[in-house]
Amino acid sequence: MLGLALDTIRTMPLNGLRYPPADGGSGWYIWGGENMSQSADFFSPIPVRDLSDYIPNILPFLDLPPGFRFQTDTRGHQRAWFDGSLLDV
């Protein structure tokens, strides 16, 4: 499972971050736009295998280990980087 902010996936840039997996989840949280909301209902849980139904172009990023973030957009901009603070949860 991963957290996907369904209402934002058409907003650029697309962002993702990965915490260590827990409770059967992958640790991934993915949203569109500049800011991630802290609202409890911002993310919807979806099976990782279903992500291609929503945003197939980010599937390669899912191979990144916990502690990584990524950002991409429709103009070909892609960036991935390590953020150690994601491991301190």
N, C-alpha and C. Protein backbone atom coordinates (compact mmCIF):
# COMPACT_ATOMS: atom_id res chain seq x y z
N MET A 1 0.84 -1.19 0.00
CA MET A 1 0.00 0.00 0.00
C MET A 1 0.88 1.25 0.00
N LEU A 2 0.33 2.32 -0.54
CA LEU A 2 0.98 3.62 -0.49
C LEU A 2 -0.09 4.68 -0.30
N GLY A 3 0.33 5.87 0.09
CA GLY A 3 -0.59 6.99 0.25
C GLY A 3 -0.54 7.85 -0.99
N LEU A 4 -1.70 8.06 -1.62
CA LEU A 4 -1.77 8.87 -2.82
C LEU A 4 -2.81 9.97 -2.61
N ALA A 5 -2.41 11.21 -2.83
CA ALA A 5 -3.33 12.35 -2.71
C ALA A 5 -4.07 12.48 -4.04
N LEU A 6 -5.15 11.74 -4.16
CA LEU A 6 -5.88 11.64 -5.42
C LEU A 6 -6.34 12.99 -5.97
N ASP A 7 -6.76 13.90 -5.12
CA ASP A 7 -7.26 15.19 -5.58
C ASP A 7 -6.18 16.10 -6.15
N THR A 8 -4.91 15.71 -6.00
CA THR A 8 -3.82 16.60 -6.43
C THR A 8 -2.98 16.05 -7.57
N ILE A 9 -3.26 14.85 -8.06
CA ILE A 9 -2.33 14.22 -9.00
C ILE A 9 -2.27 14.88 -10.38
N ARG A 10 -3.14 15.82 -10.66
CA ARG A 10 -3.07 16.57 -11.92
C ARG A 10 -2.35 17.91 -11.73
N THR A 11 -1.88 18.17 -10.52
CA THR A 11 -1.17 19.40 -10.21
C THR A 11 0.33 19.12 -10.22
N MET A 12 1.09 19.97 -10.89
CA MET A 12 2.53 19.79 -10.98
C MET A 12 3.23 20.70 -9.98
N PRO A 13 4.37 20.28 -9.49
CA PRO A 13 5.06 19.02 -9.76
C PRO A 13 4.46 17.88 -8.95
N LEU A 14 4.77 16.65 -9.37
CA LEU A 14 4.42 15.47 -8.58
C LEU A 14 5.57 15.21 -7.62
N ASN A 15 5.23 14.93 -6.37
CA ASN A 15 6.22 14.72 -5.31
C ASN A 15 5.99 13.37 -4.66
N GLY A 16 7.05 12.78 -4.20
CA GLY A 16 6.94 11.55 -3.43
C GLY A 16 8.02 11.51 -2.37
N LEU A 17 7.69 10.86 -1.28
CA LEU A 17 8.68 10.62 -0.24
C LEU A 17 8.44 9.24 0.33
N ARG A 18 9.51 8.63 0.82
CA ARG A 18 9.39 7.28 1.35
C ARG A 18 9.96 7.18 2.76
N TYR A 19 9.04 6.89 3.68
CA TYR A 19 9.42 6.56 5.05
C TYR A 19 9.74 5.06 5.10
N PRO A 20 10.32 4.58 6.19
CA PRO A 20 10.50 3.13 6.32
C PRO A 20 9.13 2.44 6.30
N PRO A 21 9.03 1.30 5.62
CA PRO A 21 7.75 0.58 5.57
C PRO A 21 7.28 0.20 6.97
N ALA A 22 5.95 0.25 7.16
CA ALA A 22 5.36 -0.10 8.46
C ALA A 22 3.93 -0.58 8.25
N ASP A 23 3.51 -1.49 9.08
CA ASP A 23 2.12 -1.95 9.09
C ASP A 23 1.62 -2.38 7.72
N GLY A 24 2.46 -3.04 6.93
CA GLY A 24 2.05 -3.53 5.62
C GLY A 24 2.10 -2.49 4.52
N GLY A 25 2.47 -1.26 4.85
CA GLY A 25 2.57 -0.20 3.84
C GLY A 25 3.98 -0.13 3.28
N SER A 26 4.10 0.49 2.12
CA SER A 26 5.40 0.62 1.45
C SER A 26 6.24 1.78 2.00
N GLY A 27 5.58 2.71 2.69
CA GLY A 27 6.26 3.91 3.17
C GLY A 27 6.15 5.08 2.21
N TRP A 28 5.60 4.85 1.00
CA TRP A 28 5.48 5.91 0.00
C TRP A 28 4.26 6.78 0.21
N TYR A 29 4.46 8.09 0.03
CA TYR A 29 3.39 9.09 0.02
C TYR A 29 3.63 9.96 -1.20
N ILE A 30 2.61 10.09 -2.04
CA ILE A 30 2.74 10.78 -3.33
C ILE A 30 1.63 11.81 -3.46
N TRP A 31 2.00 13.03 -3.89
CA TRP A 31 1.04 14.11 -4.05
C TRP A 31 1.49 15.06 -5.16
N GLY A 32 0.56 15.86 -5.63
CA GLY A 32 0.87 16.88 -6.61
C GLY A 32 0.83 18.26 -5.98
N GLY A 33 1.62 19.17 -6.53
CA GLY A 33 1.66 20.53 -6.03
C GLY A 33 2.87 20.80 -5.18
N GLU A 34 3.00 22.03 -4.78
CA GLU A 34 4.18 22.46 -4.01
C GLU A 34 4.15 22.00 -2.56
N ASN A 35 2.98 21.89 -1.96
CA ASN A 35 2.90 21.62 -0.53
C ASN A 35 2.11 20.36 -0.23
N MET A 36 2.60 19.61 0.73
CA MET A 36 1.90 18.43 1.21
C MET A 36 1.02 18.84 2.39
N SER A 37 -0.24 18.54 2.31
CA SER A 37 -1.17 18.89 3.39
C SER A 37 -0.95 17.98 4.59
N GLN A 38 -1.20 18.49 5.76
CA GLN A 38 -1.13 17.70 6.99
C GLN A 38 -2.51 17.16 7.39
N SER A 39 -3.51 17.40 6.55
CA SER A 39 -4.86 16.93 6.82
C SER A 39 -4.90 15.40 6.84
N ALA A 40 -5.65 14.85 7.79
CA ALA A 40 -5.72 13.40 7.95
C ALA A 40 -6.30 12.70 6.73
N ASP A 41 -7.09 13.39 5.92
CA ASP A 41 -7.71 12.75 4.77
C ASP A 41 -7.06 13.16 3.44
N PHE A 42 -5.86 13.74 3.48
CA PHE A 42 -5.16 14.17 2.27
C PHE A 42 -4.78 12.98 1.40
N PHE A 43 -4.30 11.90 2.01
CA PHE A 43 -3.86 10.72 1.28
C PHE A 43 -4.90 9.62 1.35
N SER A 44 -5.05 8.92 0.22
CA SER A 44 -5.89 7.72 0.17
C SER A 44 -4.99 6.51 0.04
N PRO A 45 -5.25 5.45 0.77
CA PRO A 45 -4.44 4.24 0.63
C PRO A 45 -4.81 3.50 -0.65
N ILE A 46 -3.81 3.19 -1.46
CA ILE A 46 -4.05 2.39 -2.65
C ILE A 46 -2.96 1.32 -2.76
N PRO A 47 -3.28 0.18 -3.36
CA PRO A 47 -2.24 -0.83 -3.58
C PRO A 47 -1.19 -0.31 -4.57
N VAL A 48 0.05 -0.61 -4.31
CA VAL A 48 1.14 -0.17 -5.18
C VAL A 48 0.87 -0.62 -6.62
N ARG A 49 0.36 -1.82 -6.79
CA ARG A 49 0.13 -2.34 -8.14
C ARG A 49 -0.89 -1.50 -8.92
N ASP A 50 -1.72 -0.72 -8.24
CA ASP A 50 -2.73 0.11 -8.91
C ASP A 50 -2.22 1.50 -9.27
N LEU A 51 -1.02 1.86 -8.85
CA LEU A 51 -0.51 3.20 -9.12
C LEU A 51 -0.45 3.50 -10.61
N SER A 52 -0.17 2.49 -11.43
CA SER A 52 -0.08 2.72 -12.87
C SER A 52 -1.42 3.15 -13.46
N ASP A 53 -2.52 2.89 -12.78
CA ASP A 53 -3.83 3.37 -13.24
C ASP A 53 -3.97 4.88 -13.06
N TYR A 54 -3.18 5.46 -12.19
CA TYR A 54 -3.28 6.88 -11.88
C TYR A 54 -2.15 7.70 -12.50
N ILE A 55 -0.91 7.31 -12.23
CA ILE A 55 0.26 8.07 -12.71
C ILE A 55 1.41 7.10 -13.03
N PRO A 56 1.34 6.48 -14.20
CA PRO A 56 2.33 5.44 -14.54
C PRO A 56 3.76 5.95 -14.70
N ASN A 57 3.95 7.23 -15.00
CA ASN A 57 5.30 7.74 -15.24
C ASN A 57 6.18 7.78 -13.99
N ILE A 58 5.62 7.59 -12.82
CA ILE A 58 6.47 7.63 -11.63
C ILE A 58 6.84 6.24 -11.12
N LEU A 59 6.41 5.20 -11.79
CA LEU A 59 6.72 3.85 -11.34
C LEU A 59 8.22 3.60 -11.12
N PRO A 60 9.12 4.09 -11.97
CA PRO A 60 10.55 3.85 -11.72
C PRO A 60 11.05 4.39 -10.38
N PHE A 61 10.44 5.45 -9.88
CA PHE A 61 10.87 6.02 -8.60
C PHE A 61 10.58 5.08 -7.42
N LEU A 62 9.63 4.18 -7.58
CA LEU A 62 9.24 3.31 -6.46
C LEU A 62 10.33 2.33 -6.07
N ASP A 63 11.39 2.21 -6.89
CA ASP A 63 12.53 1.37 -6.54
C ASP A 63 13.47 2.05 -5.55
N LEU A 64 13.28 3.35 -5.31
CA LEU A 64 14.14 4.05 -4.36
C LEU A 64 13.90 3.53 -2.94
N PRO A 65 14.96 3.41 -2.15
CA PRO A 65 14.81 2.91 -0.78
C PRO A 65 14.24 3.97 0.16
N PRO A 66 13.85 3.56 1.36
CA PRO A 66 13.39 4.52 2.37
C PRO A 66 14.42 5.63 2.58
N GLY A 67 13.90 6.84 2.80
CA GLY A 67 14.76 8.00 2.99
C GLY A 67 14.90 8.85 1.75
N PHE A 68 14.29 8.44 0.65
CA PHE A 68 14.39 9.21 -0.58
C PHE A 68 13.11 9.99 -0.87
N ARG A 69 13.31 11.04 -1.62
CA ARG A 69 12.22 11.88 -2.15
C ARG A 69 12.42 11.96 -3.67
N PHE A 70 11.35 12.29 -4.38
CA PHE A 70 11.47 12.60 -5.79
C PHE A 70 10.52 13.72 -6.15
N GLN A 71 10.80 14.35 -7.30
CA GLN A 71 9.93 15.36 -7.85
C GLN A 71 10.03 15.27 -9.37
N THR A 72 8.89 15.34 -10.04
CA THR A 72 8.84 15.28 -11.49
C THR A 72 7.68 16.12 -12.00
N ASP A 73 7.73 16.45 -13.29
CA ASP A 73 6.63 17.21 -13.88
C ASP A 73 6.43 16.79 -15.32
N THR A 74 5.50 17.42 -16.00
CA THR A 74 5.17 17.05 -17.37
C THR A 74 6.15 17.61 -18.40
N ARG A 75 7.08 18.45 -17.97
CA ARG A 75 8.07 19.02 -18.88
C ARG A 75 9.37 18.23 -18.90
N GLY A 76 9.41 17.09 -18.23
CA GLY A 76 10.60 16.26 -18.24
C GLY A 76 11.55 16.49 -17.08
N HIS A 77 11.22 17.40 -16.18
CA HIS A 77 12.05 17.63 -15.00
C HIS A 77 11.91 16.42 -14.08
N GLN A 78 13.02 15.83 -13.68
CA GLN A 78 13.02 14.72 -12.73
C GLN A 78 14.18 14.90 -11.77
N ARG A 79 13.89 14.67 -10.50
CA ARG A 79 14.92 14.82 -9.48
C ARG A 79 14.63 13.84 -8.36
N ALA A 80 15.63 13.18 -7.86
CA ALA A 80 15.51 12.31 -6.69
C ALA A 80 16.68 12.61 -5.77
N TRP A 81 16.43 12.61 -4.45
CA TRP A 81 17.47 12.90 -3.49
C TRP A 81 17.18 12.22 -2.17
N PHE A 82 18.25 12.03 -1.42
CA PHE A 82 18.16 11.41 -0.10
C PHE A 82 17.84 12.47 0.95
N ASP A 83 16.91 12.14 1.85
CA ASP A 83 16.53 13.01 2.96
C ASP A 83 16.52 12.16 4.22
N GLY A 84 17.61 12.18 4.95
CA GLY A 84 17.76 11.36 6.15
C GLY A 84 16.72 11.59 7.22
N SER A 85 16.07 12.77 7.20
CA SER A 85 15.06 13.03 8.21
C SER A 85 13.86 12.11 8.07
N LEU A 86 13.66 11.53 6.90
CA LEU A 86 12.56 10.60 6.70
C LEU A 86 12.77 9.29 7.45
N LEU A 87 13.99 9.02 7.82
CA LEU A 87 14.30 7.78 8.55
C LEU A 87 14.16 7.94 10.05
N ASP A 88 13.99 9.18 10.51
CA ASP A 88 13.91 9.48 11.93
C ASP A 88 12.47 9.58 12.42
N VAL A 89 11.63 8.64 12.00
CA VAL A 89 10.21 8.68 12.39
C VAL A 89 9.93 7.72 13.52
